[in-house]
Full PDB file with SEQRES, HELIX, SHEET, SSBOND, CRYST1, ORIGX, SCALE, CONECT and MASTER records, all heavy atoms in Angstrom:
SEQRES   1 A   34  ASP LEU THR ALA GLN HIS GLY ILE ASP VAL GLU VAL VAL          
SEQRES   2 A   34  ARG LEU ASP LEU ALA LEU GLU SER ALA VAL GLU THR LEU          
SEQRES   3 A   34  ALA ALA THR THR ARG ASP LEU ASP                              
HELIX    1 AA1 LEU A    2  HIS A    6  1                                   5    
HELIX    2 AA2 ALA A   22  THR A   29  1                                   8    
CRYST1    1.000    1.000    1.000  90.00  90.00  90.00 P 1           1          
ORIGX1      1.000000  0.000000  0.000000        0.00000                         
ORIGX2      0.000000  1.000000  0.000000        0.00000                         
ORIGX3      0.000000  0.000000  1.000000        0.00000                         
SCALE1      1.000000  0.000000  0.000000        0.00000                         
SCALE2      0.000000  1.000000  0.000000        0.00000                         
SCALE3      0.000000  0.000000  1.000000        0.00000                         
ATOM      1  N   ASP A   1      24.142  -8.343  -7.237  1.00  0.00           N  
ATOM      2  CA  ASP A   1      23.840  -9.454  -8.139  1.00  0.00           C  
ATOM      3  C   ASP A   1      23.105  -8.979  -9.394  1.00  0.00           C  
ATOM      4  O   ASP A   1      23.441  -9.388 -10.518  1.00  0.00           O  
ATOM      5  CB  ASP A   1      22.981 -10.499  -7.423  1.00  0.00           C  
ATOM      6  CG  ASP A   1      23.750 -11.258  -6.355  1.00  0.00           C  
ATOM      7  OD1 ASP A   1      24.991 -11.185  -6.366  1.00  0.00           O  
ATOM      8  OD2 ASP A   1      23.109 -11.899  -5.506  1.00  0.00           O  
ATOM      9  N   LEU A   2      22.112  -8.117  -9.217  1.00  0.00           N  
ATOM     10  CA  LEU A   2      21.312  -7.664 -10.353  1.00  0.00           C  
ATOM     11  C   LEU A   2      22.132  -6.804 -11.312  1.00  0.00           C  
ATOM     12  O   LEU A   2      21.970  -6.900 -12.540  1.00  0.00           O  
ATOM     13  CB  LEU A   2      20.093  -6.887  -9.847  1.00  0.00           C  
ATOM     14  CG  LEU A   2      19.041  -7.720  -9.107  1.00  0.00           C  
ATOM     15  CD1 LEU A   2      17.983  -6.813  -8.493  1.00  0.00           C  
ATOM     16  CD2 LEU A   2      18.392  -8.719 -10.046  1.00  0.00           C  
ATOM     17  N   THR A   3      22.976  -5.972 -10.765  1.00  0.00           N  
ATOM     18  CA  THR A   3      23.827  -5.139 -11.611  1.00  0.00           C  
ATOM     19  C   THR A   3      24.797  -5.999 -12.414  1.00  0.00           C  
ATOM     20  O   THR A   3      25.004  -5.785 -13.619  1.00  0.00           O  
ATOM     21  CB  THR A   3      24.599  -4.124 -10.758  1.00  0.00           C  
ATOM     22  OG1 THR A   3      23.675  -3.279 -10.072  1.00  0.00           O  
ATOM     23  CG2 THR A   3      25.506  -3.265 -11.626  1.00  0.00           C  
ATOM     24  N   ALA A   4      25.381  -6.993 -11.744  1.00  0.00           N  
ATOM     25  CA  ALA A   4      26.343  -7.865 -12.418  1.00  0.00           C  
ATOM     26  C   ALA A   4      25.674  -8.728 -13.488  1.00  0.00           C  
ATOM     27  O   ALA A   4      26.227  -8.929 -14.577  1.00  0.00           O  
ATOM     28  CB  ALA A   4      27.045  -8.749 -11.391  1.00  0.00           C  
ATOM     29  N   GLN A   5      24.500  -9.239 -13.195  1.00  0.00           N  
ATOM     30  CA  GLN A   5      23.828 -10.154 -14.111  1.00  0.00           C  
ATOM     31  C   GLN A   5      23.150  -9.447 -15.282  1.00  0.00           C  
ATOM     32  O   GLN A   5      23.126  -9.969 -16.400  1.00  0.00           O  
ATOM     33  CB  GLN A   5      22.776 -10.973 -13.352  1.00  0.00           C  
ATOM     34  CG  GLN A   5      23.336 -11.955 -12.348  1.00  0.00           C  
ATOM     35  CD  GLN A   5      22.239 -12.681 -11.600  1.00  0.00           C  
ATOM     36  OE1 GLN A   5      21.132 -12.890 -12.109  1.00  0.00           O  
ATOM     37  NE2 GLN A   5      22.517 -13.068 -10.363  1.00  0.00           N  
ATOM     38  N   HIS A   6      22.607  -8.271 -15.037  1.00  0.00           N  
ATOM     39  CA  HIS A   6      21.740  -7.649 -16.039  1.00  0.00           C  
ATOM     40  C   HIS A   6      22.174  -6.256 -16.472  1.00  0.00           C  
ATOM     41  O   HIS A   6      21.534  -5.656 -17.345  1.00  0.00           O  
ATOM     42  CB  HIS A   6      20.301  -7.603 -15.519  1.00  0.00           C  
ATOM     43  CG  HIS A   6      19.771  -8.950 -15.113  1.00  0.00           C  
ATOM     44  ND1 HIS A   6      19.510  -9.948 -16.022  1.00  0.00           N  
ATOM     45  CD2 HIS A   6      19.486  -9.472 -13.884  1.00  0.00           C  
ATOM     46  CE1 HIS A   6      19.062 -11.022 -15.382  1.00  0.00           C  
ATOM     47  NE2 HIS A   6      19.037 -10.758 -14.087  1.00  0.00           N  
ATOM     48  N   GLY A   7      23.219  -5.720 -15.853  1.00  0.00           N  
ATOM     49  CA  GLY A   7      23.734  -4.429 -16.273  1.00  0.00           C  
ATOM     50  C   GLY A   7      22.794  -3.268 -16.037  1.00  0.00           C  
ATOM     51  O   GLY A   7      22.852  -2.256 -16.741  1.00  0.00           O  
ATOM     52  N   ILE A   8      21.919  -3.385 -15.034  1.00  0.00           N  
ATOM     53  CA  ILE A   8      20.959  -2.319 -14.750  1.00  0.00           C  
ATOM     54  C   ILE A   8      21.468  -1.449 -13.611  1.00  0.00           C  
ATOM     55  O   ILE A   8      22.404  -1.811 -12.901  1.00  0.00           O  
ATOM     56  CB  ILE A   8      19.576  -2.891 -14.385  1.00  0.00           C  
ATOM     57  CG1 ILE A   8      19.684  -3.728 -13.101  1.00  0.00           C  
ATOM     58  CG2 ILE A   8      19.007  -3.715 -15.535  1.00  0.00           C  
ATOM     59  CD1 ILE A   8      18.343  -4.123 -12.509  1.00  0.00           C  
ATOM     60  N   ASP A   9      20.840  -0.302 -13.424  1.00  0.00           N  
ATOM     61  CA  ASP A   9      21.112   0.552 -12.269  1.00  0.00           C  
ATOM     62  C   ASP A   9      20.162   0.161 -11.140  1.00  0.00           C  
ATOM     63  O   ASP A   9      18.968  -0.082 -11.371  1.00  0.00           O  
ATOM     64  CB  ASP A   9      20.912   2.025 -12.618  1.00  0.00           C  
ATOM     65  CG  ASP A   9      21.935   2.526 -13.618  1.00  0.00           C  
ATOM     66  OD1 ASP A   9      23.079   2.025 -13.587  1.00  0.00           O  
ATOM     67  OD2 ASP A   9      21.600   3.391 -14.441  1.00  0.00           O  
ATOM     68  N   VAL A  10      20.672   0.119  -9.931  1.00  0.00           N  
ATOM     69  CA  VAL A  10      19.862  -0.256  -8.774  1.00  0.00           C  
ATOM     70  C   VAL A  10      20.104   0.727  -7.645  1.00  0.00           C  
ATOM     71  O   VAL A  10      21.248   0.993  -7.274  1.00  0.00           O  
ATOM     72  CB  VAL A  10      20.182  -1.680  -8.287  1.00  0.00           C  
ATOM     73  CG1 VAL A  10      19.311  -2.037  -7.082  1.00  0.00           C  
ATOM     74  CG2 VAL A  10      19.991  -2.699  -9.405  1.00  0.00           C  
ATOM     75  N   GLU A  11      19.033   1.271  -7.114  1.00  0.00           N  
ATOM     76  CA  GLU A  11      19.087   2.125  -5.934  1.00  0.00           C  
ATOM     77  C   GLU A  11      18.511   1.354  -4.756  1.00  0.00           C  
ATOM     78  O   GLU A  11      17.465   0.698  -4.876  1.00  0.00           O  
ATOM     79  CB  GLU A  11      18.278   3.409  -6.152  1.00  0.00           C  
ATOM     80  CG  GLU A  11      18.782   4.300  -7.268  1.00  0.00           C  
ATOM     81  CD  GLU A  11      20.051   5.036  -6.897  1.00  0.00           C  
ATOM     82  OE1 GLU A  11      20.320   5.153  -5.674  1.00  0.00           O  
ATOM     83  OE2 GLU A  11      20.768   5.479  -7.803  1.00  0.00           O  
ATOM     84  N   VAL A  12      19.168   1.398  -3.623  1.00  0.00           N  
ATOM     85  CA  VAL A  12      18.734   0.695  -2.417  1.00  0.00           C  
ATOM     86  C   VAL A  12      18.202   1.701  -1.409  1.00  0.00           C  
ATOM     87  O   VAL A  12      18.861   2.708  -1.118  1.00  0.00           O  
ATOM     88  CB  VAL A  12      19.906  -0.095  -1.803  1.00  0.00           C  
ATOM     89  CG1 VAL A  12      19.580  -0.556  -0.395  1.00  0.00           C  
ATOM     90  CG2 VAL A  12      20.255  -1.294  -2.691  1.00  0.00           C  
ATOM     91  N   VAL A  13      17.012   1.423  -0.885  1.00  0.00           N  
ATOM     92  CA  VAL A  13      16.403   2.303   0.118  1.00  0.00           C  
ATOM     93  C   VAL A  13      16.008   1.460   1.328  1.00  0.00           C  
ATOM     94  O   VAL A  13      15.057   0.671   1.271  1.00  0.00           O  
ATOM     95  CB  VAL A  13      15.162   3.030  -0.433  1.00  0.00           C  
ATOM     96  CG1 VAL A  13      14.578   3.954   0.647  1.00  0.00           C  
ATOM     97  CG2 VAL A  13      15.500   3.814  -1.683  1.00  0.00           C  
ATOM     98  N   ARG A  14      16.745   1.607   2.400  1.00  0.00           N  
ATOM     99  CA  ARG A  14      16.387   0.924   3.641  1.00  0.00           C  
ATOM    100  C   ARG A  14      15.288   1.738   4.324  1.00  0.00           C  
ATOM    101  O   ARG A  14      15.491   2.888   4.707  1.00  0.00           O  
ATOM    102  CB  ARG A  14      17.601   0.809   4.560  1.00  0.00           C  
ATOM    103  CG  ARG A  14      17.320   0.083   5.864  1.00  0.00           C  
ATOM    104  CD  ARG A  14      18.566   0.020   6.737  1.00  0.00           C  
ATOM    105  NE  ARG A  14      18.316  -0.682   7.984  1.00  0.00           N  
ATOM    106  CZ  ARG A  14      17.810  -0.110   9.087  1.00  0.00           C  
ATOM    107  NH1 ARG A  14      17.528   1.189   9.071  1.00  0.00           N  
ATOM    108  NH2 ARG A  14      17.600  -0.819  10.179  1.00  0.00           N  
ATOM    109  N   LEU A  15      14.123   1.125   4.465  1.00  0.00           N  
ATOM    110  CA  LEU A  15      12.972   1.897   4.927  1.00  0.00           C  
ATOM    111  C   LEU A  15      11.962   0.977   5.607  1.00  0.00           C  
ATOM    112  O   LEU A  15      11.652  -0.105   5.098  1.00  0.00           O  
ATOM    113  CB  LEU A  15      12.313   2.593   3.728  1.00  0.00           C  
ATOM    114  CG  LEU A  15      11.198   3.591   4.003  1.00  0.00           C  
ATOM    115  CD1 LEU A  15      11.707   4.773   4.815  1.00  0.00           C  
ATOM    116  CD2 LEU A  15      10.608   4.088   2.678  1.00  0.00           C  
ATOM    117  N   ASP A  16      11.433   1.408   6.731  1.00  0.00           N  
ATOM    118  CA  ASP A  16      10.369   0.701   7.427  1.00  0.00           C  
ATOM    119  C   ASP A  16       9.049   1.370   7.053  1.00  0.00           C  
ATOM    120  O   ASP A  16       8.772   2.506   7.446  1.00  0.00           O  
ATOM    121  CB  ASP A  16      10.585   0.765   8.940  1.00  0.00           C  
ATOM    122  CG  ASP A  16       9.591  -0.089   9.711  1.00  0.00           C  
ATOM    123  OD1 ASP A  16       8.578  -0.520   9.122  1.00  0.00           O  
ATOM    124  OD2 ASP A  16       9.822  -0.328  10.917  1.00  0.00           O  
ATOM    125  N   LEU A  17       8.237   0.669   6.277  1.00  0.00           N  
ATOM    126  CA  LEU A  17       6.987   1.244   5.784  1.00  0.00           C  
ATOM    127  C   LEU A  17       5.918   1.377   6.860  1.00  0.00           C  
ATOM    128  O   LEU A  17       4.855   1.925   6.599  1.00  0.00           O  
ATOM    129  CB  LEU A  17       6.456   0.415   4.609  1.00  0.00           C  
ATOM    130  CG  LEU A  17       7.283   0.521   3.336  1.00  0.00           C  
ATOM    131  CD1 LEU A  17       6.796  -0.478   2.295  1.00  0.00           C  
ATOM    132  CD2 LEU A  17       7.234   1.936   2.773  1.00  0.00           C  
ATOM    133  N   ALA A  18       6.203   0.893   8.054  1.00  0.00           N  
ATOM    134  CA  ALA A  18       5.270   1.111   9.161  1.00  0.00           C  
ATOM    135  C   ALA A  18       5.347   2.540   9.682  1.00  0.00           C  
ATOM    136  O   ALA A  18       4.430   3.014  10.356  1.00  0.00           O  
ATOM    137  CB  ALA A  18       5.548   0.132  10.292  1.00  0.00           C  
ATOM    138  N   LEU A  19       6.430   3.247   9.364  1.00  0.00           N  
ATOM    139  CA  LEU A  19       6.612   4.614   9.845  1.00  0.00           C  
ATOM    140  C   LEU A  19       5.730   5.583   9.068  1.00  0.00           C  
ATOM    141  O   LEU A  19       5.572   5.466   7.851  1.00  0.00           O  
ATOM    142  CB  LEU A  19       8.078   5.035   9.708  1.00  0.00           C  
ATOM    143  CG  LEU A  19       9.095   4.196  10.485  1.00  0.00           C  
ATOM    144  CD1 LEU A  19      10.503   4.669  10.187  1.00  0.00           C  
ATOM    145  CD2 LEU A  19       8.804   4.248  11.983  1.00  0.00           C  
ATOM    146  N   GLU A  20       5.189   6.560   9.762  1.00  0.00           N  
ATOM    147  CA  GLU A  20       4.301   7.529   9.128  1.00  0.00           C  
ATOM    148  C   GLU A  20       5.019   8.342   8.058  1.00  0.00           C  
ATOM    149  O   GLU A  20       4.418   8.778   7.076  1.00  0.00           O  
ATOM    150  CB  GLU A  20       3.724   8.466  10.194  1.00  0.00           C  
ATOM    151  CG  GLU A  20       2.650   9.406   9.675  1.00  0.00           C  
ATOM    152  CD  GLU A  20       1.978  10.189  10.786  1.00  0.00           C  
ATOM    153  OE1 GLU A  20       2.151   9.816  11.966  1.00  0.00           O  
ATOM    154  OE2 GLU A  20       1.272  11.171  10.471  1.00  0.00           O  
ATOM    155  N   SER A  21       6.322   8.511   8.221  1.00  0.00           N  
ATOM    156  CA  SER A  21       7.096   9.327   7.280  1.00  0.00           C  
ATOM    157  C   SER A  21       7.610   8.536   6.077  1.00  0.00           C  
ATOM    158  O   SER A  21       8.277   9.101   5.205  1.00  0.00           O  
ATOM    159  CB  SER A  21       8.299   9.929   8.017  1.00  0.00           C  
ATOM    160  OG  SER A  21       9.135   8.894   8.536  1.00  0.00           O  
ATOM    161  N   ALA A  22       7.307   7.248   6.007  1.00  0.00           N  
ATOM    162  CA  ALA A  22       7.921   6.380   4.991  1.00  0.00           C  
ATOM    163  C   ALA A  22       7.590   6.808   3.570  1.00  0.00           C  
ATOM    164  O   ALA A  22       8.472   6.846   2.698  1.00  0.00           O  
ATOM    165  CB  ALA A  22       7.495   4.939   5.221  1.00  0.00           C  
ATOM    166  N   VAL A  23       6.341   7.114   3.300  1.00  0.00           N  
ATOM    167  CA  VAL A  23       5.933   7.481   1.940  1.00  0.00           C  
ATOM    168  C   VAL A  23       6.641   8.763   1.502  1.00  0.00           C  
ATOM    169  O   VAL A  23       7.155   8.862   0.377  1.00  0.00           O  
ATOM    170  CB  VAL A  23       4.404   7.639   1.846  1.00  0.00           C  
ATOM    171  CG1 VAL A  23       4.003   8.198   0.484  1.00  0.00           C  
ATOM    172  CG2 VAL A  23       3.717   6.297   2.081  1.00  0.00           C  
ATOM    173  N   GLU A  24       6.681   9.741   2.384  1.00  0.00           N  
ATOM    174  CA  GLU A  24       7.356  11.000   2.075  1.00  0.00           C  
ATOM    175  C   GLU A  24       8.846  10.768   1.806  1.00  0.00           C  
ATOM    176  O   GLU A  24       9.423  11.365   0.892  1.00  0.00           O  
ATOM    177  CB  GLU A  24       7.173  11.981   3.234  1.00  0.00           C  
ATOM    178  CG  GLU A  24       7.782  13.357   2.979  1.00  0.00           C  
ATOM    179  CD  GLU A  24       7.555  14.314   4.131  1.00  0.00           C  
ATOM    180  OE1 GLU A  24       6.767  13.978   5.041  1.00  0.00           O  
ATOM    181  OE2 GLU A  24       8.182  15.398   4.140  1.00  0.00           O  
ATOM    182  N   THR A  25       9.453   9.896   2.590  1.00  0.00           N  
ATOM    183  CA  THR A  25      10.872   9.582   2.408  1.00  0.00           C  
ATOM    184  C   THR A  25      11.126   8.957   1.046  1.00  0.00           C  
ATOM    185  O   THR A  25      12.055   9.349   0.328  1.00  0.00           O  
ATOM    186  CB  THR A  25      11.353   8.629   3.513  1.00  0.00           C  
ATOM    187  OG1 THR A  25      11.215   9.262   4.786  1.00  0.00           O  
ATOM    188  CG2 THR A  25      12.814   8.238   3.297  1.00  0.00           C  
ATOM    189  N   LEU A  26      10.316   7.976   0.676  1.00  0.00           N  
ATOM    190  CA  LEU A  26      10.503   7.306  -0.609  1.00  0.00           C  
ATOM    191  C   LEU A  26      10.196   8.241  -1.770  1.00  0.00           C  
ATOM    192  O   LEU A  26      10.876   8.219  -2.809  1.00  0.00           O  
ATOM    193  CB  LEU A  26       9.625   6.061  -0.683  1.00  0.00           C  
ATOM    194  CG  LEU A  26       9.832   5.164  -1.906  1.00  0.00           C  
ATOM    195  CD1 LEU A  26      11.285   4.748  -2.039  1.00  0.00           C  
ATOM    196  CD2 LEU A  26       8.921   3.940  -1.822  1.00  0.00           C  
ATOM    197  N   ALA A  27       9.212   9.094  -1.603  1.00  0.00           N  
ATOM    198  CA  ALA A  27       8.890  10.066  -2.653  1.00  0.00           C  
ATOM    199  C   ALA A  27      10.064  10.999  -2.902  1.00  0.00           C  
ATOM    200  O   ALA A  27      10.420  11.287  -4.056  1.00  0.00           O  
ATOM    201  CB  ALA A  27       7.651  10.864  -2.250  1.00  0.00           C  
ATOM    202  N   ALA A  28      10.696  11.469  -1.829  1.00  0.00           N  
ATOM    203  CA  ALA A  28      11.845  12.369  -1.971  1.00  0.00           C  
ATOM    204  C   ALA A  28      13.038  11.652  -2.584  1.00  0.00           C  
ATOM    205  O   ALA A  28      13.756  12.211  -3.436  1.00  0.00           O  
ATOM    206  CB  ALA A  28      12.214  12.943  -0.609  1.00  0.00           C  
ATOM    207  N   THR A  29      13.245  10.406  -2.207  1.00  0.00           N  
ATOM    208  CA  THR A  29      14.385   9.628  -2.704  1.00  0.00           C  
ATOM    209  C   THR A  29      14.290   9.379  -4.201  1.00  0.00           C  
ATOM    210  O   THR A  29      15.305   9.329  -4.904  1.00  0.00           O  
ATOM    211  CB  THR A  29      14.469   8.286  -1.953  1.00  0.00           C  
ATOM    212  OG1 THR A  29      14.580   8.539  -0.548  1.00  0.00           O  
ATOM    213  CG2 THR A  29      15.665   7.479  -2.417  1.00  0.00           C  
ATOM    214  N   THR A  30      13.079   9.211  -4.702  1.00  0.00           N  
ATOM    215  CA  THR A  30      12.878   8.860  -6.117  1.00  0.00           C  
ATOM    216  C   THR A  30      12.464  10.049  -6.982  1.00  0.00           C  
ATOM    217  O   THR A  30      12.125   9.871  -8.144  1.00  0.00           O  
ATOM    218  CB  THR A  30      11.802   7.767  -6.245  1.00  0.00           C  
ATOM    219  OG1 THR A  30      10.552   8.266  -5.715  1.00  0.00           O  
ATOM    220  CG2 THR A  30      12.206   6.512  -5.490  1.00  0.00           C  
ATOM    221  N   ARG A  31      12.521  11.256  -6.427  1.00  0.00           N  
ATOM    222  CA  ARG A  31      12.010  12.438  -7.116  1.00  0.00           C  
ATOM    223  C   ARG A  31      12.644  12.633  -8.494  1.00  0.00           C  
ATOM    224  O   ARG A  31      11.966  13.022  -9.457  1.00  0.00           O  
ATOM    225  CB  ARG A  31      12.232  13.680  -6.252  1.00  0.00           C  
ATOM    226  CG  ARG A  31      11.691  14.970  -6.887  1.00  0.00           C  
ATOM    227  CD  ARG A  31      11.902  16.156  -5.962  1.00  0.00           C  
ATOM    228  NE  ARG A  31      11.139  16.022  -4.736  1.00  0.00           N  
ATOM    229  CZ  ARG A  31      11.653  15.967  -3.525  1.00  0.00           C  
ATOM    230  NH1 ARG A  31      12.975  16.012  -3.369  1.00  0.00           N  
ATOM    231  NH2 ARG A  31      10.887  15.858  -2.460  1.00  0.00           N  
ATOM    232  N   ASP A  32      13.932  12.372  -8.612  1.00  0.00           N  
ATOM    233  CA  ASP A  32      14.645  12.660  -9.861  1.00  0.00           C  
ATOM    234  C   ASP A  32      14.749  11.456 -10.796  1.00  0.00           C  
ATOM    235  O   ASP A  32      15.421  11.528 -11.830  1.00  0.00           O  
ATOM    236  CB  ASP A  32      16.050  13.172  -9.544  1.00  0.00           C  
ATOM    237  CG  ASP A  32      16.021  14.491  -8.777  1.00  0.00           C  
ATOM    238  OD1 ASP A  32      15.088  15.281  -9.015  1.00  0.00           O  
ATOM    239  OD2 ASP A  32      16.916  14.709  -7.943  1.00  0.00           O  
ATOM    240  N   LEU A  33      14.086  10.358 -10.454  1.00  0.00           N  
ATOM    241  CA  LEU A  33      14.102   9.170 -11.301  1.00  0.00           C  
ATOM    242  C   LEU A  33      12.807   9.068 -12.101  1.00  0.00           C  
ATOM    243  O   LEU A  33      11.739   9.422 -11.607  1.00  0.00           O  
ATOM    244  CB  LEU A  33      14.274   7.907 -10.449  1.00  0.00           C  
ATOM    245  CG  LEU A  33      15.560   7.806  -9.618  1.00  0.00           C  
ATOM    246  CD1 LEU A  33      15.536   6.542  -8.765  1.00  0.00           C  
ATOM    247  CD2 LEU A  33      16.785   7.831 -10.518  1.00  0.00           C  
ATOM    248  N   ASP A  34      12.907   8.562 -13.319  1.00  0.00           N  
ATOM    249  CA  ASP A  34      11.727   8.422 -14.178  1.00  0.00           C  
ATOM    250  C   ASP A  34      11.005   7.116 -13.840  1.00  0.00           C  
ATOM    251  O   ASP A  34      11.018   6.158 -14.613  1.00  0.00           O  
ATOM    252  CB  ASP A  34      12.141   8.446 -15.649  1.00  0.00           C  
ATOM    253  CG  ASP A  34      10.936   8.424 -16.589  1.00  0.00           C  
ATOM    254  OD1 ASP A  34       9.846   8.865 -16.176  1.00  0.00           O  
ATOM    255  OD2 ASP A  34      11.093   7.935 -17.731  1.00  0.00           O  
TER     256      ASP A  34                                                      
MASTER        0    0    0    2    0    0    0    6  255    1    0    3          
END                                                                             
């Protein structure tokens, strides 16, 4: 919906933030994004 309506790029990350590894996972996923 957001891409169609606003022409932006969207990355989806399915993640349970209760997990101890969650922060590390999200950090690695977004490493190359500004």
